[in-house]
Amino acid sequence: MKRLGPLLLFLLGVALGEGSGPEAVLRACLQILQGLEVQALYREEGSTLVLLGQERPLLLLAVERGRPLPHLGPPRGRPLPRRPMPFLRELSLARWAVVLPQEYRCFVLHRGRVVGVLRLAHDLRPIPLDLPLEALPQ
């Protein structure tokens, strides 16, 4: 029964007509995760919002008492100067990815808890966050 999950993910990937198997998706997500940089910081109601990405924003997290948490909405609040965030070294990936008709989703973990989702197109390019223009870093 334990082998059924990876087999179903593989078959679903094949059924979608995509050549990328679960291992390729996870490798691509890991490369993206390792390349994430702080693009912008915001102060919002007692927490710091951290916008992470490479060339474009890919992940938005809230940080409270030094711990990252999921954040759903667009960043609001006062922009802060960028600075290193120590928790970035502690981010990892879940061992599986979700295959959807238009994209793959990899789950970003901090100390075993899901804090965000990286989205990849079927060609394994990252899908940037859909943020309002005023929220994007200058």
C-alpha atoms as a PDB file:
ATOM      1  CA  MET A   1       0.000   0.000   0.000  1.00  0.00           C
ATOM      2  CA  LYS A   2       2.899   2.381   0.727  1.00  0.00           C
ATOM      3  CA  ARG A   3       4.085   2.083  -2.882  1.00  0.00           C
ATOM      4  CA  LEU A   4       0.701   3.052  -4.286  1.00  0.00           C
ATOM      5  CA  GLY A   5       1.082   6.844  -3.668  1.00  0.00           C
ATOM      6  CA  PRO A   6       4.277   7.381  -5.714  1.00  0.00           C
ATOM      7  CA  LEU A   7       2.919   5.086  -8.429  1.00  0.00           C
ATOM      8  CA  LEU A   8      -0.300   7.109  -8.674  1.00  0.00           C
ATOM      9  CA  LEU A   9       1.680  10.373  -8.877  1.00  0.00           C
ATOM     10  CA  PHE A  10       3.820   8.909 -11.642  1.00  0.00           C
ATOM     11  CA  LEU A  11       0.798   7.622 -13.555  1.00  0.00           C
ATOM     12  CA  LEU A  12      -0.979  10.953 -13.170  1.00  0.00           C
ATOM     13  CA  GLY A  13       2.082  12.727 -14.579  1.00  0.00           C
ATOM     14  CA  VAL A  14       2.156  10.314 -17.506  1.00  0.00           C
ATOM     15  CA  ALA A  15      -1.602  10.700 -18.009  1.00  0.00           C
ATOM     16  CA  LEU A  16      -1.133  14.468 -18.264  1.00  0.00           C
ATOM     17  CA  GLY A  17       1.324  13.921 -21.080  1.00  0.00           C
ATOM     18  CA  GLU A  18       4.198  15.418 -19.147  1.00  0.00           C
ATOM     19  CA  GLY A  19       7.680  13.932 -19.163  1.00  0.00           C
ATOM     20  CA  SER A  20       8.490  15.192 -15.670  1.00  0.00           C
ATOM     21  CA  GLY A  21       8.224  12.539 -13.004  1.00  0.00           C
ATOM     22  CA  PRO A  22       7.930  13.245  -9.276  1.00  0.00           C
ATOM     23  CA  GLU A  23      11.716  13.096  -8.834  1.00  0.00           C
ATOM     24  CA  ALA A  24      12.291  15.754 -11.505  1.00  0.00           C
ATOM     25  CA  VAL A  25       9.637  17.993  -9.948  1.00  0.00           C
ATOM     26  CA  LEU A  26      11.149  17.673  -6.473  1.00  0.00           C
ATOM     27  CA  ARG A  27      14.653  18.330  -7.851  1.00  0.00           C
ATOM     28  CA  ALA A  28      13.418  21.500  -9.582  1.00  0.00           C
ATOM     29  CA  CYS A  29      11.651  22.641  -6.400  1.00  0.00           C
ATOM     30  CA  LEU A  30      14.779  21.993  -4.347  1.00  0.00           C
ATOM     31  CA  GLN A  31      16.885  24.086  -6.745  1.00  0.00           C
ATOM     32  CA  ILE A  32      14.388  26.919  -6.481  1.00  0.00           C
ATOM     33  CA  LEU A  33      14.213  26.624  -2.690  1.00  0.00           C
ATOM     34  CA  GLN A  34      18.003  26.759  -2.370  1.00  0.00           C
ATOM     35  CA  GLY A  35      18.124  29.878  -4.569  1.00  0.00           C
ATOM     36  CA  LEU A  36      15.463  31.883  -2.710  1.00  0.00           C
ATOM     37  CA  GLU A  37      16.517  35.334  -1.565  1.00  0.00           C
ATOM     38  CA  VAL A  38      14.779  38.007   0.467  1.00  0.00           C
ATOM     39  CA  GLN A  39      13.255  40.418  -2.046  1.00  0.00           C
ATOM     40  CA  ALA A  40      11.300  42.625   0.359  1.00  0.00           C
ATOM     41  CA  LEU A  41      10.253  42.911   4.002  1.00  0.00           C
ATOM     42  CA  TYR A  42       7.112  44.521   5.418  1.00  0.00           C
ATOM     43  CA  ARG A  43       5.900  45.238   8.960  1.00  0.00           C
ATOM     44  CA  GLU A  44       2.249  44.218   9.341  1.00  0.00           C
ATOM     45  CA  GLU A  45       0.293  44.031  12.612  1.00  0.00           C
ATOM     46  CA  GLY A  46       3.006  42.604  14.834  1.00  0.00           C
ATOM     47  CA  SER A  47       4.612  40.327  12.253  1.00  0.00           C
ATOM     48  CA  THR A  48       7.193  40.731   9.544  1.00  0.00           C
ATOM     49  CA  LEU A  49       6.217  39.667   6.037  1.00  0.00           C
ATOM     50  CA  VAL A  50       9.048  38.216   3.985  1.00  0.00           C
ATOM     51  CA  LEU A  51       8.783  38.140   0.205  1.00  0.00           C
ATOM     52  CA  LEU A  52      11.127  35.482  -1.176  1.00  0.00           C
ATOM     53  CA  GLY A  53      12.055  34.842  -4.759  1.00  0.00           C
ATOM     54  CA  GLN A  54      14.741  34.756  -7.360  1.00  0.00           C
ATOM     55  CA  GLU A  55      14.070  37.084 -10.266  1.00  0.00           C
ATOM     56  CA  ARG A  56      10.400  37.377  -9.297  1.00  0.00           C
ATOM     57  CA  PRO A  57       8.469  36.818  -6.036  1.00  0.00           C
ATOM     58  CA  LEU A  58       7.729  33.135  -5.446  1.00  0.00           C
ATOM     59  CA  LEU A  59       6.855  32.770  -1.762  1.00  0.00           C
ATOM     60  CA  LEU A  60       5.365  35.024   0.921  1.00  0.00           C
ATOM     61  CA  LEU A  61       5.801  34.164   4.606  1.00  0.00           C
ATOM     62  CA  ALA A  62       4.925  35.860   7.872  1.00  0.00           C
ATOM     63  CA  VAL A  63       7.552  35.735  10.605  1.00  0.00           C
ATOM     64  CA  GLU A  64       6.460  35.935  14.228  1.00  0.00           C
ATOM     65  CA  ARG A  65       8.985  35.526  17.062  1.00  0.00           C
ATOM     66  CA  GLY A  66      11.555  34.267  14.575  1.00  0.00           C
ATOM     67  CA  ARG A  67       9.329  31.495  13.179  1.00  0.00           C
ATOM     68  CA  PRO A  68       7.972  31.559   9.625  1.00  0.00           C
ATOM     69  CA  LEU A  69       4.257  30.973   9.122  1.00  0.00           C
ATOM     70  CA  PRO A  70       2.056  30.806   6.024  1.00  0.00           C
ATOM     71  CA  HIS A  71       0.664  34.123   4.782  1.00  0.00           C
ATOM     72  CA  LEU A  72      -2.142  34.200   2.223  1.00  0.00           C
ATOM     73  CA  GLY A  73      -2.836  37.792   1.346  1.00  0.00           C
ATOM     74  CA  PRO A  74      -0.755  40.347  -0.487  1.00  0.00           C
ATOM     75  CA  PRO A  75       1.814  42.150   1.644  1.00  0.00           C
ATOM     76  CA  ARG A  76       0.496  45.270   3.293  1.00  0.00           C
ATOM     77  CA  GLY A  77       2.102  47.524   5.792  1.00  0.00           C
ATOM     78  CA  ARG A  78       5.286  49.495   6.047  1.00  0.00           C
ATOM     79  CA  PRO A  79       8.261  48.443   3.907  1.00  0.00           C
ATOM     80  CA  LEU A  80      11.400  47.613   5.877  1.00  0.00           C
ATOM     81  CA  PRO A  81      15.044  47.509   4.798  1.00  0.00           C
ATOM     82  CA  ARG A  82      16.133  44.076   3.603  1.00  0.00           C
ATOM     83  CA  ARG A  83      18.241  41.960   5.926  1.00  0.00           C
ATOM     84  CA  PRO A  84      19.287  38.318   6.136  1.00  0.00           C
ATOM     85  CA  MET A  85      16.722  35.965   7.608  1.00  0.00           C
ATOM     86  CA  PRO A  86      18.337  33.081   9.550  1.00  0.00           C
ATOM     87  CA  PHE A  87      15.371  30.722   9.122  1.00  0.00           C
ATOM     88  CA  LEU A  88      16.040  30.475   5.356  1.00  0.00           C
ATOM     89  CA  ARG A  89      18.730  27.854   6.022  1.00  0.00           C
ATOM     90  CA  GLU A  90      16.122  25.750   7.845  1.00  0.00           C
ATOM     91  CA  LEU A  91      13.601  25.565   4.993  1.00  0.00           C
ATOM     92  CA  SER A  92      13.133  22.177   3.358  1.00  0.00           C
ATOM     93  CA  LEU A  93      10.654  20.387   1.096  1.00  0.00           C
ATOM     94  CA  ALA A  94       8.032  17.771   1.740  1.00  0.00           C
ATOM     95  CA  ARG A  95       8.905  14.479   0.023  1.00  0.00           C
ATOM     96  CA  TRP A  96       5.993  14.666  -2.396  1.00  0.00           C
ATOM     97  CA  ALA A  97       4.477  17.114  -4.852  1.00  0.00           C
ATOM     98  CA  VAL A  98       0.889  17.586  -5.966  1.00  0.00           C
ATOM     99  CA  VAL A  99       0.163  17.274  -9.672  1.00  0.00           C
ATOM    100  CA  LEU A 100      -2.626  19.529 -10.923  1.00  0.00           C
ATOM    101  CA  PRO A 101      -3.816  20.000 -14.512  1.00  0.00           C
ATOM    102  CA  GLN A 102      -1.966  23.329 -14.900  1.00  0.00           C
ATOM    103  CA  GLU A 103       0.884  23.040 -12.390  1.00  0.00           C
ATOM    104  CA  TYR A 104       2.901  21.160  -9.800  1.00  0.00           C
ATOM    105  CA  ARG A 105       2.933  22.219  -6.157  1.00  0.00           C
ATOM    106  CA  CYS A 106       5.790  21.570  -3.735  1.00  0.00           C
ATOM    107  CA  PHE A 107       5.336  22.169  -0.026  1.00  0.00           C
ATOM    108  CA  VAL A 108       7.948  24.213   1.818  1.00  0.00           C
ATOM    109  CA  LEU A 109       8.609  23.135   5.402  1.00  0.00           C
ATOM    110  CA  HIS A 110      10.185  24.793   8.417  1.00  0.00           C
ATOM    111  CA  ARG A 111      11.020  22.301  11.161  1.00  0.00           C
ATOM    112  CA  GLY A 112       8.461  19.869   9.757  1.00  0.00           C
ATOM    113  CA  ARG A 113       5.565  22.328   9.378  1.00  0.00           C
ATOM    114  CA  VAL A 114       4.229  23.530   6.038  1.00  0.00           C
ATOM    115  CA  VAL A 115       4.859  27.272   5.722  1.00  0.00           C
ATOM    116  CA  GLY A 116       4.377  27.788   1.998  1.00  0.00           C
ATOM    117  CA  VAL A 117       3.889  26.354  -1.474  1.00  0.00           C
ATOM    118  CA  LEU A 118       6.152  26.638  -4.510  1.00  0.00           C
ATOM    119  CA  ARG A 119       4.267  26.382  -7.792  1.00  0.00           C
ATOM    120  CA  LEU A 120       5.859  25.094 -10.998  1.00  0.00           C
ATOM    121  CA  ALA A 121       4.525  25.007 -14.534  1.00  0.00           C
ATOM    122  CA  HIS A 122       4.656  21.652 -16.318  1.00  0.00           C
ATOM    123  CA  ASP A 123       7.929  22.730 -17.942  1.00  0.00           C
ATOM    124  CA  LEU A 124       9.308  23.034 -14.354  1.00  0.00           C
ATOM    125  CA  ARG A 125       9.649  26.824 -14.423  1.00  0.00           C
ATOM    126  CA  PRO A 126       8.532  28.544 -11.204  1.00  0.00           C
ATOM    127  CA  ILE A 127       5.187  30.313 -11.263  1.00  0.00           C
ATOM    128  CA  PRO A 128       5.517  33.735  -9.584  1.00  0.00           C
ATOM    129  CA  LEU A 129       3.079  34.984  -6.987  1.00  0.00           C
ATOM    130  CA  ASP A 130       0.170  36.980  -8.316  1.00  0.00           C
ATOM    131  CA  LEU A 131       0.689  40.184  -6.343  1.00  0.00           C
ATOM    132  CA  PRO A 132      -0.636  43.695  -6.961  1.00  0.00           C
ATOM    133  CA  LEU A 133       1.965  45.993  -8.552  1.00  0.00           C
ATOM    134  CA  GLU A 134       2.258  48.159  -5.457  1.00  0.00           C
ATOM    135  CA  ALA A 135       3.297  45.079  -3.425  1.00  0.00           C
ATOM    136  CA  LEU A 136       6.187  44.188  -5.728  1.00  0.00           C
ATOM    137  CA  PRO A 137       9.685  45.231  -4.665  1.00  0.00           C
ATOM    138  CA  GLN A 138      11.150  48.176  -6.544  1.00  0.00           C
END
